[in-house]
PDB file of N, CA and C in Angstrom:
ATOM      1  N   UNK A   1      92.440  77.198 102.262  1.00  0.00           N
ATOM      2  CA  UNK A   1      92.281  77.189 103.704  1.00  0.00           C
ATOM      3  C   UNK A   1      92.328  76.647 104.345  1.00  0.00           C
ATOM      4  N   UNK A   2      92.277  76.438 105.615  1.00  0.00           N
ATOM      5  CA  UNK A   2      91.981  75.714 106.796  1.00  0.00           C
ATOM      6  C   UNK A   2      92.440  76.589 108.485  1.00  0.00           C
ATOM      7  N   UNK A   3      90.410  76.366 109.113  1.00  0.00           N
ATOM      8  CA  UNK A   3      90.093  77.345 110.193  1.00  0.00           C
ATOM      9  C   UNK A   3      89.352  76.233 111.066  1.00  0.00           C
ATOM     10  N   UNK A   4      89.857  77.001 112.146  1.00  0.00           N
ATOM     11  CA  UNK A   4      89.177  75.507 113.716  1.00  0.00           C
ATOM     12  C   UNK A   4      87.846  76.447 113.558  1.00  0.00           C
ATOM     13  N   UNK A   5      87.236  77.318 112.374  1.00  0.00           N
ATOM     14  CA  UNK A   5      85.811  77.441 112.760  1.00  0.00           C
ATOM     15  C   UNK A   5      84.524  77.040 111.939  1.00  0.00           C
ATOM     16  N   UNK A   6      83.706  76.664 112.817  1.00  0.00           N
ATOM     17  CA  UNK A   6      82.748  76.155 112.355  1.00  0.00           C
ATOM     18  C   UNK A   6      81.810  76.782 111.025  1.00  0.00           C
ATOM     19  N   UNK A   7      81.419  76.225 110.171  1.00  0.00           N
ATOM     20  CA  UNK A   7      81.087  76.832 109.024  1.00  0.00           C
ATOM     21  C   UNK A   7      80.342  78.400 108.429  1.00  0.00           C
ATOM     22  N   UNK A   8      79.092  77.692 109.654  1.00  0.00           N
ATOM     23  CA  UNK A   8      78.768  79.722 110.153  1.00  0.00           C
ATOM     24  C   UNK A   8      79.483  80.822 109.921  1.00  0.00           C
ATOM     25  N   UNK A   9      80.861  80.482 111.517  1.00  0.00           N
ATOM     26  CA  UNK A   9      81.174  81.707 111.545  1.00  0.00           C
ATOM     27  C   UNK A   9      83.075  81.563 110.430  1.00  0.00           C
ATOM     28  N   UNK A  10      82.930  80.638 109.787  1.00  0.00           N
ATOM     29  CA  UNK A  10      83.650  80.510 108.608  1.00  0.00           C
ATOM     30  C   UNK A  10      83.488  81.572 107.304  1.00  0.00           C
ATOM     31  N   UNK A  11      84.411  82.752 107.787  1.00  0.00           N
ATOM     32  CA  UNK A  11      84.098  84.296 106.622  1.00  0.00           C
ATOM     33  C   UNK A  11      85.042  84.018 105.715  1.00  0.00           C
ATOM     34  N   UNK A  12      86.241  83.648 105.230  1.00  0.00           N
ATOM     35  CA  UNK A  12      87.425  83.359 104.398  1.00  0.00           C
ATOM     36  C   UNK A  12      87.056  82.378 103.679  1.00  0.00           C
ATOM     37  N   UNK A  13      87.701  82.588 102.411  1.00  0.00           N
ATOM     38  CA  UNK A  13      86.407  81.419 101.551  1.00  0.00           C
ATOM     39  C   UNK A  13      87.098  81.032 100.607  1.00  0.00           C
ATOM     40  N   UNK A  14      87.956  81.373  99.937  1.00  0.00           N
ATOM     41  CA  UNK A  14      88.834  81.367  98.798  1.00  0.00           C
ATOM     42  C   UNK A  14      90.423  81.797  99.183  1.00  0.00           C
ATOM     43  N   UNK A  15      90.883  80.883  98.867  1.00  0.00           N
ATOM     44  CA  UNK A  15      92.376  82.355  98.786  1.00  0.00           C
ATOM     45  C   UNK A  15      92.576  82.917  97.598  1.00  0.00           C
ATOM     46  N   UNK A  16      92.705  83.847  96.520  1.00  0.00           N
ATOM     47  CA  UNK A  16      92.776  84.141  95.748  1.00  0.00           C
ATOM     48  C   UNK A  16      94.122  83.533  95.051  1.00  0.00           C
ATOM     49  N   UNK A  17      95.061  84.720  95.246  1.00  0.00           N
ATOM     50  CA  UNK A  17      96.256  85.218  94.592  1.00  0.00           C
ATOM     51  C   UNK A  17      97.238  85.146  96.530  1.00  0.00           C
ATOM     52  N   UNK A  18      98.443  84.546  96.311  1.00  0.00           N
ATOM     53  CA  UNK A  18      99.416  83.833  97.624  1.00  0.00           C
ATOM     54  C   UNK A  18     101.170  84.657  96.518  1.00  0.00           C
ATOM     55  N   UNK A  19     101.561  85.356  97.183  1.00  0.00           N
ATOM     56  CA  UNK A  19     103.113  85.474  97.505  1.00  0.00           C
ATOM     57  C   UNK A  19     103.719  85.852  99.411  1.00  0.00           C
ATOM     58  N   UNK A  20     104.586  86.126  98.852  1.00  0.00           N
ATOM     59  CA  UNK A  20     105.021  85.780 100.113  1.00  0.00           C
ATOM     60  C   UNK A  20     105.246  87.140 101.686  1.00  0.00           C
ATOM     61  N   UNK A  21     104.625  88.268 101.411  1.00  0.00           N
ATOM     62  CA  UNK A  21     104.050  88.991 101.932  1.00  0.00           C
ATOM     63  C   UNK A  21     102.988  90.434 101.400  1.00  0.00           C
ATOM     64  N   UNK A  22     101.507  89.221 100.364  1.00  0.00           N
ATOM     65  CA  UNK A  22     100.572  89.780 100.295  1.00  0.00           C
ATOM     66  C   UNK A  22      99.795  88.375  99.115  1.00  0.00           C
ATOM     67  N   UNK A  23      98.413  88.846 100.213  1.00  0.00           N
ATOM     68  CA  UNK A  23      97.595  87.593  99.580  1.00  0.00           C
ATOM     69  C   UNK A  23      95.977  88.324  99.308  1.00  0.00           C
ATOM     70  N   UNK A  24      95.628  87.998  98.334  1.00  0.00           N
ATOM     71  CA  UNK A  24      94.205  88.293  98.545  1.00  0.00           C
ATOM     72  C   UNK A  24      92.966  86.587  98.270  1.00  0.00           C
ATOM     73  N   UNK A  25      91.744  87.646  99.143  1.00  0.00           N
ATOM     74  CA  UNK A  25      91.116  86.654  99.803  1.00  0.00           C
ATOM     75  C   UNK A  25      89.197  86.955  99.823  1.00  0.00           C
ATOM     76  N   UNK A  26      88.432  85.627  99.390  1.00  0.00           N
ATOM     77  CA  UNK A  26      87.094  85.967  98.812  1.00  0.00           C
ATOM     78  C   UNK A  26      86.246  85.463 100.259  1.00  0.00           C
ATOM     79  N   UNK A  27      85.782  86.498 100.817  1.00  0.00           N
ATOM     80  CA  UNK A  27      85.165  86.709 102.419  1.00  0.00           C
ATOM     81  C   UNK A  27      83.422  86.555 101.536  1.00  0.00           C
ATOM     82  N   UNK A  28      83.179  85.672 102.118  1.00  0.00           N
ATOM     83  CA  UNK A  28      81.437  85.587 101.854  1.00  0.00           C
ATOM     84  C   UNK A  28      80.899  85.387 103.518  1.00  0.00           C
ATOM     85  N   UNK A  29      79.530  86.661 103.784  1.00  0.00           N
ATOM     86  CA  UNK A  29      79.061  86.699 104.951  1.00  0.00           C
ATOM     87  C   UNK A  29      77.767  85.895 104.769  1.00  0.00           C
ATOM     88  N   UNK A  30      76.623  86.443 105.769  1.00  0.00           N
ATOM     89  CA  UNK A  30      75.497  85.332 105.921  1.00  0.00           C
ATOM     90  C   UNK A  30      74.731  86.487 105.134  1.00  0.00           C
ATOM     91  N   UNK A  31      75.009  87.361 105.676  1.00  0.00           N
ATOM     92  CA  UNK A  31      74.418  89.018 105.776  1.00  0.00           C
ATOM     93  C   UNK A  31      75.591  90.305 105.332  1.00  0.00           C
ATOM     94  N   UNK A  32      75.155  91.531 104.580  1.00  0.00           N
ATOM     95  CA  UNK A  32      75.727  92.505 104.654  1.00  0.00           C
ATOM     96  C   UNK A  32      76.485  92.353 105.859  1.00  0.00           C
ATOM     97  N   UNK A  33      77.928  92.547 105.986  1.00  0.00           N
ATOM     98  CA  UNK A  33      78.919  92.508 107.197  1.00  0.00           C
ATOM     99  C   UNK A  33      78.576  93.933 107.700  1.00  0.00           C
ATOM    100  N   UNK A  34      79.274  93.653 109.668  1.00  0.00           N
ATOM    101  CA  UNK A  34      79.790  94.435 110.433  1.00  0.00           C
ATOM    102  C   UNK A  34      80.449  94.723 109.871  1.00  0.00           C
ATOM    103  N   UNK A  35      81.516  96.570 110.820  1.00  0.00           N
ATOM    104  CA  UNK A  35      82.823  96.019 110.408  1.00  0.00           C
ATOM    105  C   UNK A  35      83.598  95.092 111.515  1.00  0.00           C
ATOM    106  N   UNK A  36      82.765  94.731 112.728  1.00  0.00           N
ATOM    107  CA  UNK A  36      82.897  93.693 113.786  1.00  0.00           C
ATOM    108  C   UNK A  36      83.504  92.341 113.047  1.00  0.00           C
ATOM    109  N   UNK A  37      82.202  91.461 111.921  1.00  0.00           N
ATOM    110  CA  UNK A  37      82.905  90.751 110.446  1.00  0.00           C
ATOM    111  C   UNK A  37      83.889  91.099 109.647  1.00  0.00           C
ATOM    112  N   UNK A  38      84.220  92.363 109.537  1.00  0.00           N
ATOM    113  CA  UNK A  38      85.093  92.481 108.732  1.00  0.00           C
ATOM    114  C   UNK A  38      86.372  92.146 109.324  1.00  0.00           C
ATOM    115  N   UNK A  39      86.490  93.005 110.963  1.00  0.00           N
ATOM    116  CA  UNK A  39      87.385  92.509 111.274  1.00  0.00           C
ATOM    117  C   UNK A  39      87.994  90.693 111.140  1.00  0.00           C
ATOM    118  N   UNK A  40      86.850  90.370 111.678  1.00  0.00           N
ATOM    119  CA  UNK A  40      87.242  88.409 112.358  1.00  0.00           C
ATOM    120  C   UNK A  40      87.631  88.020 110.859  1.00  0.00           C
ATOM    121  N   UNK A  41      86.853  88.820 109.766  1.00  0.00           N
ATOM    122  CA  UNK A  41      87.426  87.850 107.962  1.00  0.00           C
ATOM    123  C   UNK A  41      88.242  88.257 108.057  1.00  0.00           C
ATOM    124  N   UNK A  42      89.138  89.503 108.381  1.00  0.00           N
ATOM    125  CA  UNK A  42      90.375  90.225 108.004  1.00  0.00           C
ATOM    126  C   UNK A  42      91.859  88.753 108.649  1.00  0.00           C
ATOM    127  N   UNK A  43      91.041  88.476 110.225  1.00  0.00           N
ATOM    128  CA  UNK A  43      92.387  87.778 111.251  1.00  0.00           C
ATOM    129  C   UNK A  43      91.993  85.959 110.303  1.00  0.00           C
ATOM    130  N   UNK A  44      90.675  86.045 109.337  1.00  0.00           N
ATOM    131  CA  UNK A  44      91.031  84.625 109.136  1.00  0.00           C
ATOM    132  C   UNK A  44      91.693  84.343 108.088  1.00  0.00           C
ATOM    133  N   UNK A  45      91.459  85.312 107.363  1.00  0.00           N
ATOM    134  CA  UNK A  45      91.805  85.415 105.508  1.00  0.00           C
ATOM    135  C   UNK A  45      94.117  86.258 105.643  1.00  0.00           C
ATOM    136  N   UNK A  46      93.831  85.981 106.709  1.00  0.00           N
ATOM    137  CA  UNK A  46      95.680  85.755 107.637  1.00  0.00           C
ATOM    138  C   UNK A  46      95.711  83.961 107.438  1.00  0.00           C
ATOM    139  N   UNK A  47      95.296  83.229 107.129  1.00  0.00           N
ATOM    140  CA  UNK A  47      95.645  81.678 107.129  1.00  0.00           C
ATOM    141  C   UNK A  47      96.290  81.436 105.630  1.00  0.00           C
ATOM    142  N   UNK A  48      94.819  82.076 104.747  1.00  0.00           N
ATOM    143  CA  UNK A  48      96.318  82.333 103.864  1.00  0.00           C
ATOM    144  C   UNK A  48      97.868  82.645 103.438  1.00  0.00           C
ATOM    145  N   UNK A  49      98.268  82.824 104.008  1.00  0.00           N
ATOM    146  CA  UNK A  49      99.663  82.659 104.373  1.00  0.00           C
ATOM    147  C   UNK A  49     100.626  81.621 104.267  1.00  0.00           C
ATOM    148  N   UNK A  50      99.688  80.655 104.966  1.00  0.00           N
ATOM    149  CA  UNK A  50     100.563  78.959 105.008  1.00  0.00           C
ATOM    150  C   UNK A  50      99.953  78.689 104.130  1.00  0.00           C
ATOM    151  N   UNK A  51     100.918  78.088 103.313  1.00  0.00           N
ATOM    152  CA  UNK A  51     100.872  76.822 102.418  1.00  0.00           C
ATOM    153  C   UNK A  51     100.733  75.121 102.613  1.00  0.00           C
ATOM    154  N   UNK A  52     100.373  75.132 103.833  1.00  0.00           N
ATOM    155  CA  UNK A  52     100.696  73.800 104.150  1.00  0.00           C
ATOM    156  C   UNK A  52      99.182  72.641 104.671  1.00  0.00           C
ATOM    157  N   UNK A  53      98.138  74.332 104.574  1.00  0.00           N
ATOM    158  CA  UNK A  53      96.997  73.571 104.608  1.00  0.00           C
ATOM    159  C   UNK A  53      96.965  73.072 105.957  1.00  0.00           C
ATOM    160  N   UNK A  54      96.968  73.605 107.133  1.00  0.00           N
ATOM    161  CA  UNK A  54      96.741  73.245 108.456  1.00  0.00           C
ATOM    162  C   UNK A  54      96.364  74.333 109.670  1.00  0.00           C
ATOM    163  N   UNK A  55      95.507  73.853 110.046  1.00  0.00           N
ATOM    164  CA  UNK A  55      94.718  74.966 110.887  1.00  0.00           C
ATOM    165  C   UNK A  55      96.230  75.605 111.665  1.00  0.00           C
ATOM    166  N   UNK A  56      95.792  76.970 112.043  1.00  0.00           N
ATOM    167  CA  UNK A  56      96.528  77.499 113.051  1.00  0.00           C
ATOM    168  C   UNK A  56      95.689  78.832 113.880  1.00  0.00           C
ATOM    169  N   UNK A  57      95.743  78.127 115.261  1.00  0.00           N
ATOM    170  CA  UNK A  57      95.170  79.301 115.963  1.00  0.00           C
ATOM    171  C   UNK A  57      95.956  80.036 116.091  1.00  0.00           C
ATOM    172  N   UNK A  58      95.732  81.322 117.021  1.00  0.00           N
ATOM    173  CA  UNK A  58      95.668  82.103 116.927  1.00  0.00           C
ATOM    174  C   UNK A  58      94.476  83.350 117.476  1.00  0.00           C
ATOM    175  N   UNK A  59      94.967  84.439 117.785  1.00  0.00           N
ATOM    176  CA  UNK A  59      93.230  85.432 117.907  1.00  0.00           C
ATOM    177  C   UNK A  59      94.232  86.578 117.639  1.00  0.00           C
ATOM    178  N   UNK A  60      93.413  87.808 117.814  1.00  0.00           N
ATOM    179  CA  UNK A  60      93.569  88.753 117.701  1.00  0.00           C
ATOM    180  C   UNK A  60      93.773  89.954 118.434  1.00  0.00           C
ATOM    181  N   UNK A  61      95.444  90.460 118.903  1.00  0.00           N
ATOM    182  CA  UNK A  61      95.406  90.838 119.686  1.00  0.00           C
ATOM    183  C   UNK A  61      95.370  92.593 120.082  1.00  0.00           C
ATOM    184  N   UNK A  62      95.231  92.283 118.354  1.00  0.00           N
ATOM    185  CA  UNK A  62      95.031  94.910 118.409  1.00  0.00           C
ATOM    186  C   UNK A  62      94.622  94.876 117.472  1.00  0.00           C
ATOM    187  N   UNK A  63      93.976  96.004 117.177  1.00  0.00           N
ATOM    188  CA  UNK A  63      92.751  96.430 116.042  1.00  0.00           C
ATOM    189  C   UNK A  63      92.664  97.492 116.501  1.00  0.00           C
ATOM    190  N   UNK A  64      93.300  98.192 114.664  1.00  0.00           N
ATOM    191  CA  UNK A  64      93.827  99.264 114.835  1.00  0.00           C
ATOM    192  C   UNK A  64      93.628 100.074 113.510  1.00  0.00           C
ATOM    193  N   UNK A  65      92.622 101.381 113.226  1.00  0.00           N
ATOM    194  CA  UNK A  65      92.173 101.978 111.801  1.00  0.00           C
ATOM    195  C   UNK A  65      91.455 101.521 111.183  1.00  0.00           C
ATOM    196  N   UNK A  66      90.176 100.814 111.749  1.00  0.00           N
ATOM    197  CA  UNK A  66      89.163 100.066 111.126  1.00  0.00           C
ATOM    198  C   UNK A  66      88.180 101.098 110.384  1.00  0.00           C
ATOM    199  N   UNK A  67      88.374 101.866 109.102  1.00  0.00           N
ATOM    200  CA  UNK A  67      87.810 102.454 108.518  1.00  0.00           C
ATOM    201  C   UNK A  67      86.519 102.220 107.470  1.00  0.00           C
ATOM    202  N   UNK A  68      85.572 102.309 107.755  1.00  0.00           N
ATOM    203  CA  UNK A  68      84.551 101.788 106.510  1.00  0.00           C
ATOM    204  C   UNK A  68      84.487 103.343 105.724  1.00  0.00           C
ATOM    205  N   UNK A  69      84.881 102.911 104.690  1.00  0.00           N
ATOM    206  CA  UNK A  69      84.757 103.414 103.727  1.00  0.00           C
ATOM    207  C   UNK A  69      83.795 103.792 102.615  1.00  0.00           C
ATOM    208  N   UNK A  70      83.157 103.217 102.074  1.00  0.00           N
ATOM    209  CA  UNK A  70      81.689 103.561 101.546  1.00  0.00           C
ATOM    210  C   UNK A  70      80.410 102.585 102.004  1.00  0.00           C
ATOM    211  N   UNK A  71      78.936 102.914 101.944  1.00  0.00           N
ATOM    212  CA  UNK A  71      78.317 102.100 102.547  1.00  0.00           C
ATOM    213  C   UNK A  71      78.459 100.425 102.179  1.00  0.00           C
ATOM    214  N   UNK A  72      77.929  99.967 103.331  1.00  0.00           N
ATOM    215  CA  UNK A  72      78.691  98.152 103.208  1.00  0.00           C
ATOM    216  C   UNK A  72      77.131  98.161 102.124  1.00  0.00           C
ATOM    217  N   UNK A  73      76.963  96.939 101.441  1.00  0.00           N
ATOM    218  CA  UNK A  73      75.643  96.662 100.337  1.00  0.00           C
ATOM    219  C   UNK A  73      75.732  95.018  99.867  1.00  0.00           C
ATOM    220  N   UNK A  74      76.929  94.397  99.842  1.00  0.00           N
ATOM    221  CA  UNK A  74      77.370  93.085  99.390  1.00  0.00           C
ATOM    222  C   UNK A  74      77.499  92.295 100.505  1.00  0.00           C
ATOM    223  N   UNK A  75      77.485  91.050 100.096  1.00  0.00           N
ATOM    224  CA  UNK A  75      78.120  90.406 101.467  1.00  0.00           C
ATOM    225  C   UNK A  75      79.120  89.375 100.834  1.00  0.00           C
ATOM    226  N   UNK A  76      80.307  89.095  99.719  1.00  0.00           N
ATOM    227  CA  UNK A  76      80.940  88.681  99.322  1.00  0.00           C
ATOM    228  C   UNK A  76      81.833  89.991  98.680  1.00  0.00           C
ATOM    229  N   UNK A  77      83.453  89.763  99.444  1.00  0.00           N
ATOM    230  CA  UNK A  77      84.679  91.135  99.581  1.00  0.00           C
ATOM    231  C   UNK A  77      86.022  90.326  98.674  1.00  0.00           C
ATOM    232  N   UNK A  78      86.316  91.504  98.221  1.00  0.00           N
ATOM    233  CA  UNK A  78      88.125  90.442  98.400  1.00  0.00           C
ATOM    234  C   UNK A  78      88.886  91.817  98.766  1.00  0.00           C
ATOM    235  N   UNK A  79      89.236  90.713 100.134  1.00  0.00           N
ATOM    236  CA  UNK A  79      89.862  91.328 101.332  1.00  0.00           C
ATOM    237  C   UNK A  79      92.193  90.874 101.104  1.00  0.00           C
ATOM    238  N   UNK A  80      93.178  92.150 100.733  1.00  0.00           N
ATOM    239  CA  UNK A  80      93.978  92.574 100.170  1.00  0.00           C
ATOM    240  C   UNK A  80      94.857  92.352 101.331  1.00  0.00           C
ATOM    241  N   UNK A  81      95.549  90.930 102.021  1.00  0.00           N
ATOM    242  CA  UNK A  81      96.480  91.454 103.166  1.00  0.00           C
ATOM    243  C   UNK A  81      97.257  91.772 103.255  1.00  0.00           C
ATOM    244  N   UNK A  82      98.062  92.301 103.582  1.00  0.00           N
ATOM    245  CA  UNK A  82      99.307  92.527 103.305  1.00  0.00           C
ATOM    246  C   UNK A  82     100.335  92.662 104.691  1.00  0.00           C
ATOM    247  N   UNK A  83     101.205  91.496 104.603  1.00  0.00           N
ATOM    248  CA  UNK A  83     102.390  91.732 105.903  1.00  0.00           C
ATOM    249  C   UNK A  83     103.059  93.068 106.383  1.00  0.00           C
ATOM    250  N   UNK A  84     103.011  92.784 107.704  1.00  0.00           N
ATOM    251  CA  UNK A  84     103.818  94.122 108.206  1.00  0.00           C
ATOM    252  C   UNK A  84     105.182  93.662 108.227  1.00  0.00           C
ATOM    253  N   UNK A  85     104.791  92.555 109.564  1.00  0.00           N
ATOM    254  CA  UNK A  85     105.888  92.532 111.005  1.00  0.00           C
ATOM    255  C   UNK A  85     105.245  90.629 110.257  1.00  0.00           C
ATOM    256  N   UNK A  86     106.551  89.969 110.831  1.00  0.00           N
ATOM    257  CA  UNK A  86     106.189  88.722 111.157  1.00  0.00           C
ATOM    258  C   UNK A  86     107.733  88.329 111.805  1.00  0.00           C
ATOM    259  N   UNK A  87     106.999  87.475 113.238  1.00  0.00           N
ATOM    260  CA  UNK A  87     108.312  86.708 113.770  1.00  0.00           C
ATOM    261  C   UNK A  87     107.836  85.488 114.308  1.00  0.00           C
ATOM    262  N   UNK A  88     107.973  84.972 115.660  1.00  0.00           N
ATOM    263  CA  UNK A  88     107.738  83.252 115.739  1.00  0.00           C
ATOM    264  C   UNK A  88     106.419  83.408 115.642  1.00  0.00           C
ATOM    265  N   UNK A  89     105.350  84.401 116.394  1.00  0.00           N
ATOM    266  CA  UNK A  89     104.145  83.827 116.919  1.00  0.00           C
ATOM    267  C   UNK A  89     103.603  85.426 116.968  1.00  0.00           C
ATOM    268  N   UNK A  90     103.500  86.557 116.068  1.00  0.00           N
ATOM    269  CA  UNK A  90     103.680  87.854 115.959  1.00  0.00           C
ATOM    270  C   UNK A  90     103.492  87.852 114.405  1.00  0.00           C
ATOM    271  N   UNK A  91     102.303  88.744 114.162  1.00  0.00           N
ATOM    272  CA  UNK A  91     101.787  89.025 113.120  1.00  0.00           C
ATOM    273  C   UNK A  91     101.141  90.136 112.655  1.00  0.00           C
ATOM    274  N   UNK A  92     101.508  90.997 111.853  1.00  0.00           N
ATOM    275  CA  UNK A  92     101.048  92.244 111.810  1.00  0.00           C
ATOM    276  C   UNK A  92     101.021  92.694 110.325  1.00  0.00           C
ATOM    277  N   UNK A  93      99.553  93.016 110.147  1.00  0.00           N
ATOM    278  CA  UNK A  93      98.576  93.482 107.929  1.00  0.00           C
ATOM    279  C   UNK A  93      98.222  94.718 108.300  1.00  0.00           C
ATOM    280  N   UNK A  94      98.045  94.404 107.574  1.00  0.00           N
ATOM    281  CA  UNK A  94      97.154  95.900 106.901  1.00  0.00           C
ATOM    282  C   UNK A  94      96.624  94.931 105.664  1.00  0.00           C
ATOM    283  N   UNK A  95      94.846  95.875 106.287  1.00  0.00           N
ATOM    284  CA  UNK A  95      93.848  95.193 105.002  1.00  0.00           C
ATOM    285  C   UNK A  95      93.385  96.008 104.509  1.00  0.00           C
ATOM    286  N   UNK A  96      93.207  95.835 103.395  1.00  0.00           N
ATOM    287  CA  UNK A  96      91.932  96.273 102.636  1.00  0.00           C
ATOM    288  C   UNK A  96      90.530  95.515 101.976  1.00  0.00           C
ATOM    289  N   UNK A  97      89.654  95.594 101.892  1.00  0.00           N
ATOM    290  CA  UNK A  97      88.110  95.023 101.680  1.00  0.00           C
ATOM    291  C   UNK A  97      87.524  95.823 100.238  1.00  0.00           C
ATOM    292  N   UNK A  98      87.548  95.263  99.258  1.00  0.00           N
ATOM    293  CA  UNK A  98      86.670  95.400  97.934  1.00  0.00           C
ATOM    294  C   UNK A  98      86.042  95.322  97.538  1.00  0.00           C
ATOM    295  N   UNK A  99      84.623  95.298  97.421  1.00  0.00           N
ATOM    296  CA  UNK A  99      83.372  94.517  96.588  1.00  0.00           C
ATOM    297  C   UNK A  99      84.067  93.498  95.288  1.00  0.00           C
ATOM    298  N   UNK A 100      83.307  92.401  94.917  1.00  0.00           N
ATOM    299  CA  UNK A 100      84.057  91.873  94.394  1.00  0.00           C
ATOM    300  C   UNK A 100      84.007  93.212  92.826  1.00  0.00           C
ATOM    301  N   UNK A 101      83.291  93.310  91.793  1.00  0.00           N
ATOM    302  CA  UNK A 101      83.625  93.909  90.670  1.00  0.00           C
ATOM    303  C   UNK A 101      83.925  95.548  90.581  1.00  0.00           C
ATOM    304  N   UNK A 102      84.609  96.060  91.754  1.00  0.00           N
ATOM    305  CA  UNK A 102      84.797  97.436  92.251  1.00  0.00           C
ATOM    306  C   UNK A 102      86.163  96.845  93.200  1.00  0.00           C
ATOM    307  N   UNK A 103      86.960  97.774  92.629  1.00  0.00           N
ATOM    308  CA  UNK A 103      88.313  98.152  93.221  1.00  0.00           C
ATOM    309  C   UNK A 103      88.340  99.292  94.263  1.00  0.00           C
ATOM    310  N   UNK A 104      86.897  99.905  94.051  1.00  0.00           N
ATOM    311  CA  UNK A 104      86.966 100.556  95.628  1.00  0.00           C
ATOM    312  C   UNK A 104      87.252 100.158  96.751  1.00  0.00           C
ATOM    313  N   UNK A 105      87.885 100.489  97.419  1.00  0.00           N
ATOM    314  CA  UNK A 105      88.200 100.638  98.988  1.00  0.00           C
ATOM    315  C   UNK A 105      86.397 100.884  99.760  1.00  0.00           C
ATOM    316  N   UNK A 106      86.205  99.340 100.029  1.00  0.00           N
ATOM    317  CA  UNK A 106      85.149 100.044 101.738  1.00  0.00           C
ATOM    318  C   UNK A 106      85.769  99.976 103.035  1.00  0.00           C
ATOM    319  N   UNK A 107      85.973  99.102 102.967  1.00  0.00           N
ATOM    320  CA  UNK A 107      87.169  99.117 104.226  1.00  0.00           C
ATOM    321  C   UNK A 107      88.905  98.908 104.407  1.00  0.00           C
ATOM    322  N   UNK A 108      89.182  99.474 105.209  1.00  0.00           N
ATOM    323  CA  UNK A 108      90.056  99.696 105.473  1.00  0.00           C
ATOM    324  C   UNK A 108      91.112  99.990 107.188  1.00  0.00           C
ATOM    325  N   UNK A 109      92.042  98.295 107.269  1.00  0.00           N
ATOM    326  CA  UNK A 109      92.306  98.292 108.782  1.00  0.00           C
ATOM    327  C   UNK A 109      93.678  97.912 109.063  1.00  0.00           C
ATOM    328  N   UNK A 110      94.089  97.518 110.198  1.00  0.00           N
ATOM    329  CA  UNK A 110      95.224  97.092 110.778  1.00  0.00           C
ATOM    330  C   UNK A 110      95.151  96.038 112.022  1.00  0.00           C
ATOM    331  N   UNK A 111      95.587  94.659 112.098  1.00  0.00           N
ATOM    332  CA  UNK A 111      95.526  93.965 111.799  1.00  0.00           C
ATOM    333  C   UNK A 111      97.001  92.715 113.245  1.00  0.00           C
ATOM    334  N   UNK A 112      96.602  93.308 114.742  1.00  0.00           N
ATOM    335  CA  UNK A 112      98.234  91.963 114.527  1.00  0.00           C
ATOM    336  C   UNK A 112      97.245  90.496 115.424  1.00  0.00           C
ATOM    337  N   UNK A 113      98.170  89.819 114.969  1.00  0.00           N
ATOM    338  CA  UNK A 113      97.551  88.276 114.944  1.00  0.00           C
ATOM    339  C   UNK A 113      98.496  87.856 116.316  1.00  0.00           C
ATOM    340  N   UNK A 114      98.348  87.285 117.237  1.00  0.00           N
ATOM    341  CA  UNK A 114      99.094  85.992 117.813  1.00  0.00           C
ATOM    342  C   UNK A 114      98.819  84.658 117.670  1.00  0.00           C
ATOM    343  N   UNK A 115     100.075  84.210 117.391  1.00  0.00           N
ATOM    344  CA  UNK A 115      99.515  82.879 116.598  1.00  0.00           C
ATOM    345  C   UNK A 115     100.167  81.536 117.698  1.00  0.00           C
ATOM    346  N   UNK A 116      99.414  80.359 117.639  1.00  0.00           N
ATOM    347  CA  UNK A 116      99.823  78.942 118.665  1.00  0.00           C
ATOM    348  C   UNK A 116     101.074  78.834 117.613  1.00  0.00           C
ATOM    349  N   UNK A 117     102.061  78.876 118.333  1.00  0.00           N
ATOM    350  CA  UNK A 117     103.174  77.657 116.910  1.00  0.00           C
ATOM    351  C   UNK A 117     103.348  75.879 117.955  1.00  0.00           C
TER     352      UNK A 117
END
């Protein structure tokens, strides 16, 4: 995945699985993350939908129903991102984050991104 962020702000590290409407991305943080860091990581992980390895500029236009469901104690999480709506420059997704060794969801939410095309 190619992101326009500096390394210290790049949380999305590795695309694990990819299908047309669902991806799983490994995200790593320099400390136990905050909810704001999960939102940023979810937005960055959406770059995994691009298969051409081109950097995709965009911004988060809406955050909805973000919930912390478990205590946060790790620095690496798997993000499962599912497309809900996609148009020319608009992408709405739901995301779930879980610890690497567990299927328990620790954070979930919805994001809407406006992408530069």
